[in-house]
Amino acid sequence: IRQRPVAEVATETGMSSGAVYIARSRILAKLRMA
């Protein structure tokens, strides 16, 4: 939504970049279905 860089958000949240991509993908899928 805010279009911030994945690496920056990963650092802030303590997640890996891969985990951020997976989280985003899963939530987008949930949103689309809902």
PDB file of all heavy atoms in Angstrom:
ATOM      1  N   ILE A   1       0.828  -1.205   0.000  1.00  0.00           N
ATOM      2  CA  ILE A   1       0.000   0.000   0.000  1.00  0.00           C
ATOM      3  C   ILE A   1       0.866   1.261   0.000  1.00  0.00           C
ATOM      4  O   ILE A   1       0.640   2.169  -0.797  1.00  0.00           O
ATOM      5  CB  ILE A   1      -0.976   0.006   1.202  1.00  0.00           C
ATOM      6  CG1 ILE A   1      -1.820  -1.270   1.239  1.00  0.00           C
ATOM      7  CG2 ILE A   1      -1.856   1.266   1.177  1.00  0.00           C
ATOM      8  CD1 ILE A   1      -2.662  -1.536   0.004  1.00  0.00           C
ATOM      9  N   ARG A   2       1.847   1.311   0.865  1.00  0.00           N
ATOM     10  CA  ARG A   2       2.700   2.504   0.942  1.00  0.00           C
ATOM     11  C   ARG A   2       3.876   2.461  -0.029  1.00  0.00           C
ATOM     12  O   ARG A   2       4.602   3.429  -0.156  1.00  0.00           O
ATOM     13  CB  ARG A   2       3.190   2.699   2.375  1.00  0.00           C
ATOM     14  CG  ARG A   2       2.004   2.981   3.331  1.00  0.00           C
ATOM     15  CD  ARG A   2       2.419   3.413   4.704  1.00  0.00           C
ATOM     16  NE  ARG A   2       3.097   4.695   4.649  1.00  0.00           N
ATOM     17  CZ  ARG A   2       4.047   5.064   5.499  1.00  0.00           C
ATOM     18  NH1 ARG A   2       4.423   4.254   6.471  1.00  0.00           N
ATOM     19  NH2 ARG A   2       4.621   6.242   5.401  1.00  0.00           N
ATOM     20  N   GLN A   3       4.059   1.308  -0.683  1.00  0.00           N
ATOM     21  CA  GLN A   3       5.099   1.138  -1.721  1.00  0.00           C
ATOM     22  C   GLN A   3       6.521   1.384  -1.203  1.00  0.00           C
ATOM     23  O   GLN A   3       7.362   1.931  -1.904  1.00  0.00           O
ATOM     24  CB  GLN A   3       4.808   2.051  -2.924  1.00  0.00           C
ATOM     25  CG  GLN A   3       3.508   1.731  -3.637  1.00  0.00           C
ATOM     26  CD  GLN A   3       3.600   0.423  -4.408  1.00  0.00           C
ATOM     27  OE1 GLN A   3       4.428   0.280  -5.296  1.00  0.00           O
ATOM     28  NE2 GLN A   3       2.775  -0.547  -4.050  1.00  0.00           N
ATOM     29  N   ARG A   4       6.780   0.963   0.026  1.00  0.00           N
ATOM     30  CA  ARG A   4       8.122   1.102   0.587  1.00  0.00           C
ATOM     31  C   ARG A   4       8.966  -0.095   0.161  1.00  0.00           C
ATOM     32  O   ARG A   4       8.446  -1.176  -0.095  1.00  0.00           O
ATOM     33  CB  ARG A   4       8.046   1.195   2.104  1.00  0.00           C
ATOM     34  CG  ARG A   4       7.381   2.510   2.536  1.00  0.00           C
ATOM     35  CD  ARG A   4       7.365   2.703   4.032  1.00  0.00           C
ATOM     36  NE  ARG A   4       8.695   2.600   4.595  1.00  0.00           N
ATOM     37  CZ  ARG A   4       8.931   2.070   5.802  1.00  0.00           C
ATOM     38  NH1 ARG A   4       7.956   1.611   6.555  1.00  0.00           N
ATOM     39  NH2 ARG A   4      10.167   2.001   6.258  1.00  0.00           N
ATOM     40  N   PRO A   5      10.280   0.068   0.116  1.00  0.00           N
ATOM     41  CA  PRO A   5      11.163  -1.041  -0.288  1.00  0.00           C
ATOM     42  C   PRO A   5      11.084  -2.223   0.684  1.00  0.00           C
ATOM     43  O   PRO A   5      11.043  -2.042   1.901  1.00  0.00           O
ATOM     44  CB  PRO A   5      12.562  -0.417  -0.248  1.00  0.00           C
ATOM     45  CG  PRO A   5      12.350   1.061  -0.288  1.00  0.00           C
ATOM     46  CD  PRO A   5      11.009   1.311   0.361  1.00  0.00           C
ATOM     47  N   VAL A   6      11.070  -3.419   0.113  1.00  0.00           N
ATOM     48  CA  VAL A   6      10.973  -4.645   0.907  1.00  0.00           C
ATOM     49  C   VAL A   6      12.112  -4.729   1.918  1.00  0.00           C
ATOM     50  O   VAL A   6      11.887  -5.039   3.095  1.00  0.00           O
ATOM     51  CB  VAL A   6      10.946  -5.890  -0.016  1.00  0.00           C
ATOM     52  CG1 VAL A   6      11.129  -7.163   0.789  1.00  0.00           C
ATOM     53  CG2 VAL A   6       9.629  -5.934  -0.790  1.00  0.00           C
ATOM     54  N   ALA A   7      13.338  -4.443   1.491  1.00  0.00           N
ATOM     55  CA  ALA A   7      14.490  -4.565   2.396  1.00  0.00           C
ATOM     56  C   ALA A   7      14.353  -3.644   3.605  1.00  0.00           C
ATOM     57  O   ALA A   7      14.663  -4.032   4.740  1.00  0.00           O
ATOM     58  CB  ALA A   7      15.779  -4.261   1.638  1.00  0.00           C
ATOM     59  N   GLU A   8      13.852  -2.454   3.374  1.00  0.00           N
ATOM     60  CA  GLU A   8      13.660  -1.481   4.456  1.00  0.00           C
ATOM     61  C   GLU A   8      12.618  -1.983   5.460  1.00  0.00           C
ATOM     62  O   GLU A   8      12.823  -1.921   6.668  1.00  0.00           O
ATOM     63  CB  GLU A   8      13.202  -0.165   3.824  1.00  0.00           C
ATOM     64  CG  GLU A   8      13.168   1.031   4.722  1.00  0.00           C
ATOM     65  CD  GLU A   8      12.773   2.273   3.939  1.00  0.00           C
ATOM     66  OE1 GLU A   8      13.553   2.729   3.083  1.00  0.00           O
ATOM     67  OE2 GLU A   8      11.647   2.773   4.185  1.00  0.00           O
ATOM     68  N   VAL A   9      11.515  -2.487   4.948  1.00  0.00           N
ATOM     69  CA  VAL A   9      10.445  -2.996   5.810  1.00  0.00           C
ATOM     70  C   VAL A   9      10.912  -4.255   6.535  1.00  0.00           C
ATOM     71  O   VAL A   9      10.595  -4.454   7.709  1.00  0.00           O
ATOM     72  CB  VAL A   9       9.157  -3.244   4.996  1.00  0.00           C
ATOM     73  CG1 VAL A   9       8.089  -3.919   5.837  1.00  0.00           C
ATOM     74  CG2 VAL A   9       8.643  -1.925   4.420  1.00  0.00           C
ATOM     75  N   ALA A  10      11.675  -5.089   5.851  1.00  0.00           N
ATOM     76  CA  ALA A  10      12.196  -6.304   6.479  1.00  0.00           C
ATOM     77  C   ALA A  10      13.056  -5.942   7.687  1.00  0.00           C
ATOM     78  O   ALA A  10      12.917  -6.536   8.763  1.00  0.00           O
ATOM     79  CB  ALA A  10      13.003  -7.117   5.466  1.00  0.00           C
ATOM     80  N   THR A  11      13.914  -4.958   7.536  1.00  0.00           N
ATOM     81  CA  THR A  11      14.768  -4.520   8.639  1.00  0.00           C
ATOM     82  C   THR A  11      13.924  -4.003   9.803  1.00  0.00           C
ATOM     83  O   THR A  11      14.162  -4.360  10.954  1.00  0.00           O
ATOM     84  CB  THR A  11      15.745  -3.418   8.161  1.00  0.00           C
ATOM     85  OG1 THR A  11      16.561  -3.962   7.124  1.00  0.00           O
ATOM     86  CG2 THR A  11      16.624  -2.930   9.293  1.00  0.00           C
ATOM     87  N   GLU A  12      12.928  -3.196   9.498  1.00  0.00           N
ATOM     88  CA  GLU A  12      12.058  -2.627  10.539  1.00  0.00           C
ATOM     89  C   GLU A  12      11.295  -3.691  11.308  1.00  0.00           C
ATOM     90  O   GLU A  12      11.094  -3.561  12.509  1.00  0.00           O
ATOM     91  CB  GLU A  12      11.024  -1.685   9.908  1.00  0.00           C
ATOM     92  CG  GLU A  12      11.511  -0.301   9.686  1.00  0.00           C
ATOM     93  CD  GLU A  12      10.431   0.589   9.080  1.00  0.00           C
ATOM     94  OE1 GLU A  12       9.229   0.237   9.138  1.00  0.00           O
ATOM     95  OE2 GLU A  12      10.803   1.635   8.547  1.00  0.00           O
ATOM     96  N   THR A  13      10.824  -4.701  10.599  1.00  0.00           N
ATOM     97  CA  THR A  13       9.976  -5.719  11.232  1.00  0.00           C
ATOM     98  C   THR A  13      10.775  -6.889  11.799  1.00  0.00           C
ATOM     99  O   THR A  13      10.209  -7.729  12.493  1.00  0.00           O
ATOM    100  CB  THR A  13       8.953  -6.275  10.222  1.00  0.00           C
ATOM    101  OG1 THR A  13       9.657  -6.834   9.111  1.00  0.00           O
ATOM    102  CG2 THR A  13       7.985  -5.203   9.757  1.00  0.00           C
ATOM    103  N   GLY A  14      12.054  -6.956  11.459  1.00  0.00           N
ATOM    104  CA  GLY A  14      12.863  -8.086  11.909  1.00  0.00           C
ATOM    105  C   GLY A  14      12.606  -9.349  11.095  1.00  0.00           C
ATOM    106  O   GLY A  14      12.957 -10.446  11.501  1.00  0.00           O
ATOM    107  N   MET A  15      11.980  -9.169   9.937  1.00  0.00           N
ATOM    108  CA  MET A  15      11.702 -10.298   9.045  1.00  0.00           C
ATOM    109  C   MET A  15      12.775 -10.340   7.957  1.00  0.00           C
ATOM    110  O   MET A  15      13.407  -9.330   7.665  1.00  0.00           O
ATOM    111  CB  MET A  15      10.320 -10.119   8.392  1.00  0.00           C
ATOM    112  CG  MET A  15       9.167 -10.055   9.369  1.00  0.00           C
ATOM    113  SD  MET A  15       7.605  -9.518   8.610  1.00  0.00           S
ATOM    114  CE  MET A  15       7.123 -10.989   7.712  1.00  0.00           C
ATOM    115  N   SER A  16      12.924 -11.504   7.323  1.00  0.00           N
ATOM    116  CA  SER A  16      13.791 -11.569   6.143  1.00  0.00           C
ATOM    117  C   SER A  16      13.014 -10.981   4.964  1.00  0.00           C
ATOM    118  O   SER A  16      11.786 -10.898   4.996  1.00  0.00           O
ATOM    119  CB  SER A  16      14.178 -13.017   5.836  1.00  0.00           C
ATOM    120  OG  SER A  16      13.037 -13.736   5.398  1.00  0.00           O
ATOM    121  N   SER A  17      13.738 -10.588   3.924  1.00  0.00           N
ATOM    122  CA  SER A  17      13.054 -10.070   2.730  1.00  0.00           C
ATOM    123  C   SER A  17      12.121 -11.125   2.156  1.00  0.00           C
ATOM    124  O   SER A  17      11.007 -10.825   1.731  1.00  0.00           O
ATOM    125  CB  SER A  17      14.071  -9.634   1.670  1.00  0.00           C
ATOM    126  OG  SER A  17      14.745  -8.478   2.111  1.00  0.00           O
ATOM    127  N   GLY A  18      12.565 -12.385   2.164  1.00  0.00           N
ATOM    128  CA  GLY A  18      11.727 -13.471   1.664  1.00  0.00           C
ATOM    129  C   GLY A  18      10.437 -13.599   2.450  1.00  0.00           C
ATOM    130  O   GLY A  18       9.370 -13.812   1.878  1.00  0.00           O
ATOM    131  N   ALA A  19      10.525 -13.454   3.778  1.00  0.00           N
ATOM    132  CA  ALA A  19       9.330 -13.542   4.622  1.00  0.00           C
ATOM    133  C   ALA A  19       8.366 -12.387   4.334  1.00  0.00           C
ATOM    134  O   ALA A  19       7.153 -12.567   4.367  1.00  0.00           O
ATOM    135  CB  ALA A  19       9.721 -13.554   6.098  1.00  0.00           C
ATOM    136  N   VAL A  20       8.913 -11.208   4.021  1.00  0.00           N
ATOM    137  CA  VAL A  20       8.065 -10.066   3.677  1.00  0.00           C
ATOM    138  C   VAL A  20       7.311 -10.360   2.382  1.00  0.00           C
ATOM    139  O   VAL A  20       6.103 -10.126   2.283  1.00  0.00           O
ATOM    140  CB  VAL A  20       8.887  -8.760   3.569  1.00  0.00           C
ATOM    141  CG1 VAL A  20       8.047  -7.632   2.975  1.00  0.00           C
ATOM    142  CG2 VAL A  20       9.430  -8.360   4.930  1.00  0.00           C
ATOM    143  N   TYR A  21       8.026 -10.885   1.375  1.00  0.00           N
ATOM    144  CA  TYR A  21       7.373 -11.229   0.101  1.00  0.00           C
ATOM    145  C   TYR A  21       6.271 -12.271   0.311  1.00  0.00           C
ATOM    146  O   TYR A  21       5.179 -12.167  -0.258  1.00  0.00           O
ATOM    147  CB  TYR A  21       8.383 -11.749  -0.920  1.00  0.00           C
ATOM    148  CG  TYR A  21       9.204 -10.678  -1.569  1.00  0.00           C
ATOM    149  CD1 TYR A  21      10.564 -10.577  -1.324  1.00  0.00           C
ATOM    150  CD2 TYR A  21       8.628  -9.756  -2.442  1.00  0.00           C
ATOM    151  CE1 TYR A  21      11.335  -9.591  -1.941  1.00  0.00           C
ATOM    152  CE2 TYR A  21       9.384  -8.766  -3.064  1.00  0.00           C
ATOM    153  CZ  TYR A  21      10.738  -8.694  -2.801  1.00  0.00           C
ATOM    154  OH  TYR A  21      11.486  -7.712  -3.407  1.00  0.00           O
ATOM    155  N   ILE A  22       6.560 -13.278   1.127  1.00  0.00           N
ATOM    156  CA  ILE A  22       5.573 -14.335   1.393  1.00  0.00           C
ATOM    157  C   ILE A  22       4.360 -13.755   2.126  1.00  0.00           C
ATOM    158  O   ILE A  22       3.216 -14.052   1.778  1.00  0.00           O
ATOM    159  CB  ILE A  22       6.214 -15.500   2.187  1.00  0.00           C
ATOM    160  CG1 ILE A  22       7.202 -16.252   1.286  1.00  0.00           C
ATOM    161  CG2 ILE A  22       5.144 -16.440   2.737  1.00  0.00           C
ATOM    162  CD1 ILE A  22       8.085 -17.237   2.023  1.00  0.00           C
ATOM    163  N   ALA A  23       4.613 -12.926   3.137  1.00  0.00           N
ATOM    164  CA  ALA A  23       3.515 -12.307   3.888  1.00  0.00           C
ATOM    165  C   ALA A  23       2.643 -11.481   2.958  1.00  0.00           C
ATOM    166  O   ALA A  23       1.408 -11.574   2.991  1.00  0.00           O
ATOM    167  CB  ALA A  23       4.077 -11.418   5.009  1.00  0.00           C
ATOM    168  N   ARG A  24       3.270 -10.690   2.107  1.00  0.00           N
ATOM    169  CA  ARG A  24       2.519  -9.842   1.179  1.00  0.00           C
ATOM    170  C   ARG A  24       1.687 -10.696   0.229  1.00  0.00           C
ATOM    171  O   ARG A  24       0.517 -10.425   0.007  1.00  0.00           O
ATOM    172  CB  ARG A  24       3.489  -8.951   0.402  1.00  0.00           C
ATOM    173  CG  ARG A  24       2.790  -7.965  -0.489  1.00  0.00           C
ATOM    174  CD  ARG A  24       3.722  -6.955  -1.060  1.00  0.00           C
ATOM    175  NE  ARG A  24       4.612  -7.557  -2.040  1.00  0.00           N
ATOM    176  CZ  ARG A  24       5.588  -6.904  -2.640  1.00  0.00           C
ATOM    177  NH1 ARG A  24       5.838  -5.646  -2.360  1.00  0.00           N
ATOM    178  NH2 ARG A  24       6.347  -7.509  -3.528  1.00  0.00           N
ATOM    179  N   SER A  25       2.276 -11.743  -0.299  1.00  0.00           N
ATOM    180  CA  SER A  25       1.577 -12.616  -1.232  1.00  0.00           C
ATOM    181  C   SER A  25       0.385 -13.302  -0.572  1.00  0.00           C
ATOM    182  O   SER A  25      -0.706 -13.368  -1.148  1.00  0.00           O
ATOM    183  CB  SER A  25       2.560 -13.660  -1.771  1.00  0.00           C
ATOM    184  OG  SER A  25       1.900 -14.568  -2.602  1.00  0.00           O
ATOM    185  N   ARG A  26       0.568 -13.797   0.640  1.00  0.00           N
ATOM    186  CA  ARG A  26      -0.521 -14.484   1.347  1.00  0.00           C
ATOM    187  C   ARG A  26      -1.665 -13.535   1.667  1.00  0.00           C
ATOM    188  O   ARG A  26      -2.838 -13.892   1.532  1.00  0.00           O
ATOM    189  CB  ARG A  26       0.010 -15.133   2.620  1.00  0.00           C
ATOM    190  CG  ARG A  26       0.838 -16.361   2.328  1.00  0.00           C
ATOM    191  CD  ARG A  26       1.292 -17.038   3.585  1.00  0.00           C
ATOM    192  NE  ARG A  26       2.068 -18.228   3.249  1.00  0.00           N
ATOM    193  CZ  ARG A  26       2.912 -18.824   4.062  1.00  0.00           C
ATOM    194  NH1 ARG A  26       3.096 -18.363   5.281  1.00  0.00           N
ATOM    195  NH2 ARG A  26       3.572 -19.893   3.680  1.00  0.00           N
ATOM    196  N   ILE A  27      -1.328 -12.330   2.105  1.00  0.00           N
ATOM    197  CA  ILE A  27      -2.392 -11.371   2.442  1.00  0.00           C
ATOM    198  C   ILE A  27      -3.119 -10.932   1.184  1.00  0.00           C
ATOM    199  O   ILE A  27      -4.342 -10.811   1.180  1.00  0.00           O
ATOM    200  CB  ILE A  27      -1.825 -10.188   3.246  1.00  0.00           C
ATOM    201  CG1 ILE A  27      -1.447 -10.682   4.646  1.00  0.00           C
ATOM    202  CG2 ILE A  27      -2.841  -9.049   3.321  1.00  0.00           C
ATOM    203  CD1 ILE A  27      -0.824  -9.648   5.542  1.00  0.00           C
ATOM    204  N   LEU A  28      -2.401 -10.696   0.098  1.00  0.00           N
ATOM    205  CA  LEU A  28      -3.064 -10.336  -1.160  1.00  0.00           C
ATOM    206  C   LEU A  28      -4.032 -11.433  -1.591  1.00  0.00           C
ATOM    207  O   LEU A  28      -5.140 -11.143  -2.036  1.00  0.00           O
ATOM    208  CB  LEU A  28      -2.031 -10.076  -2.265  1.00  0.00           C
ATOM    209  CG  LEU A  28      -1.330  -8.724  -2.214  1.00  0.00           C
ATOM    210  CD1 LEU A  28      -0.175  -8.681  -3.199  1.00  0.00           C
ATOM    211  CD2 LEU A  28      -2.316  -7.600  -2.495  1.00  0.00           C
ATOM    212  N   ALA A  29      -3.620 -12.684  -1.444  1.00  0.00           N
ATOM    213  CA  ALA A  29      -4.500 -13.805  -1.811  1.00  0.00           C
ATOM    214  C   ALA A  29      -5.750 -13.815  -0.923  1.00  0.00           C
ATOM    215  O   ALA A  29      -6.865 -14.012  -1.414  1.00  0.00           O
ATOM    216  CB  ALA A  29      -3.745 -15.127  -1.700  1.00  0.00           C
ATOM    217  N   LYS A  30      -5.576 -13.606   0.381  1.00  0.00           N
ATOM    218  CA  LYS A  30      -6.715 -13.557   1.297  1.00  0.00           C
ATOM    219  C   LYS A  30      -7.652 -12.409   0.934  1.00  0.00           C
ATOM    220  O   LYS A  30      -8.872 -12.562   0.946  1.00  0.00           O
ATOM    221  CB  LYS A  30      -6.238 -13.362   2.740  1.00  0.00           C
ATOM    222  CG  LYS A  30      -5.660 -14.586   3.399  1.00  0.00           C
ATOM    223  CD  LYS A  30      -5.195 -14.226   4.817  1.00  0.00           C
ATOM    224  CE  LYS A  30      -4.598 -15.380   5.544  1.00  0.00           C
ATOM    225  NZ  LYS A  30      -5.600 -16.289   6.111  1.00  0.00           N
ATOM    226  N   LEU A  31      -7.075 -11.247   0.625  1.00  0.00           N
ATOM    227  CA  LEU A  31      -7.886 -10.084   0.263  1.00  0.00           C
ATOM    228  C   LEU A  31      -8.675 -10.343  -1.015  1.00  0.00           C
ATOM    229  O   LEU A  31      -9.868 -10.045  -1.083  1.00  0.00           O
ATOM    230  CB  LEU A  31      -7.005  -8.843   0.094  1.00  0.00           C
ATOM    231  CG  LEU A  31      -6.434  -8.249   1.379  1.00  0.00           C
ATOM    232  CD1 LEU A  31      -5.378  -7.194   1.045  1.00  0.00           C
ATOM    233  CD2 LEU A  31      -7.534  -7.650   2.242  1.00  0.00           C
ATOM    234  N   ARG A  32      -7.996 -10.890  -2.027  1.00  0.00           N
ATOM    235  CA  ARG A  32      -8.682 -11.173  -3.299  1.00  0.00           C
ATOM    236  C   ARG A  32      -9.856 -12.124  -3.093  1.00  0.00           C
ATOM    237  O   ARG A  32     -10.948 -11.908  -3.606  1.00  0.00           O
ATOM    238  CB  ARG A  32      -7.701 -11.780  -4.308  1.00  0.00           C
ATOM    239  CG  ARG A  32      -6.838 -10.760  -4.977  1.00  0.00           C
ATOM    240  CD  ARG A  32      -6.060 -11.368  -6.138  1.00  0.00           C
ATOM    241  NE  ARG A  32      -5.015 -10.460  -6.533  1.00  0.00           N
ATOM    242  CZ  ARG A  32      -3.726 -10.605  -6.236  1.00  0.00           C
ATOM    243  NH1 ARG A  32      -3.310 -11.646  -5.556  1.00  0.00           N
ATOM    244  NH2 ARG A  32      -2.842  -9.711  -6.628  1.00  0.00           N
ATOM    245  N   MET A  33      -9.613 -13.190  -2.329  1.00  0.00           N
ATOM    246  CA  MET A  33     -10.666 -14.171  -2.108  1.00  0.00           C
ATOM    247  C   MET A  33     -11.831 -13.543  -1.340  1.00  0.00           C
ATOM    248  O   MET A  33     -12.993 -13.729  -1.696  1.00  0.00           O
ATOM    249  CB  MET A  33     -10.128 -15.384  -1.353  1.00  0.00           C
ATOM    250  CG  MET A  33     -11.195 -16.436  -1.115  1.00  0.00           C
ATOM    251  SD  MET A  33     -10.505 -17.995  -0.544  1.00  0.00           S
ATOM    252  CE  MET A  33      -9.639 -18.509  -2.031  1.00  0.00           C
ATOM    253  N   ALA A  34     -11.525 -12.792  -0.305  1.00  0.00           N
ATOM    254  CA  ALA A  34     -12.574 -12.167   0.501  1.00  0.00           C
ATOM    255  C   ALA A  34     -13.368 -11.151  -0.316  1.00  0.00           C
ATOM    256  O   ALA A  34     -14.589 -11.068  -0.186  1.00  0.00           O
ATOM    257  CB  ALA A  34     -11.964 -11.510   1.738  1.00  0.00           C
TER     258      ALA A  34
END
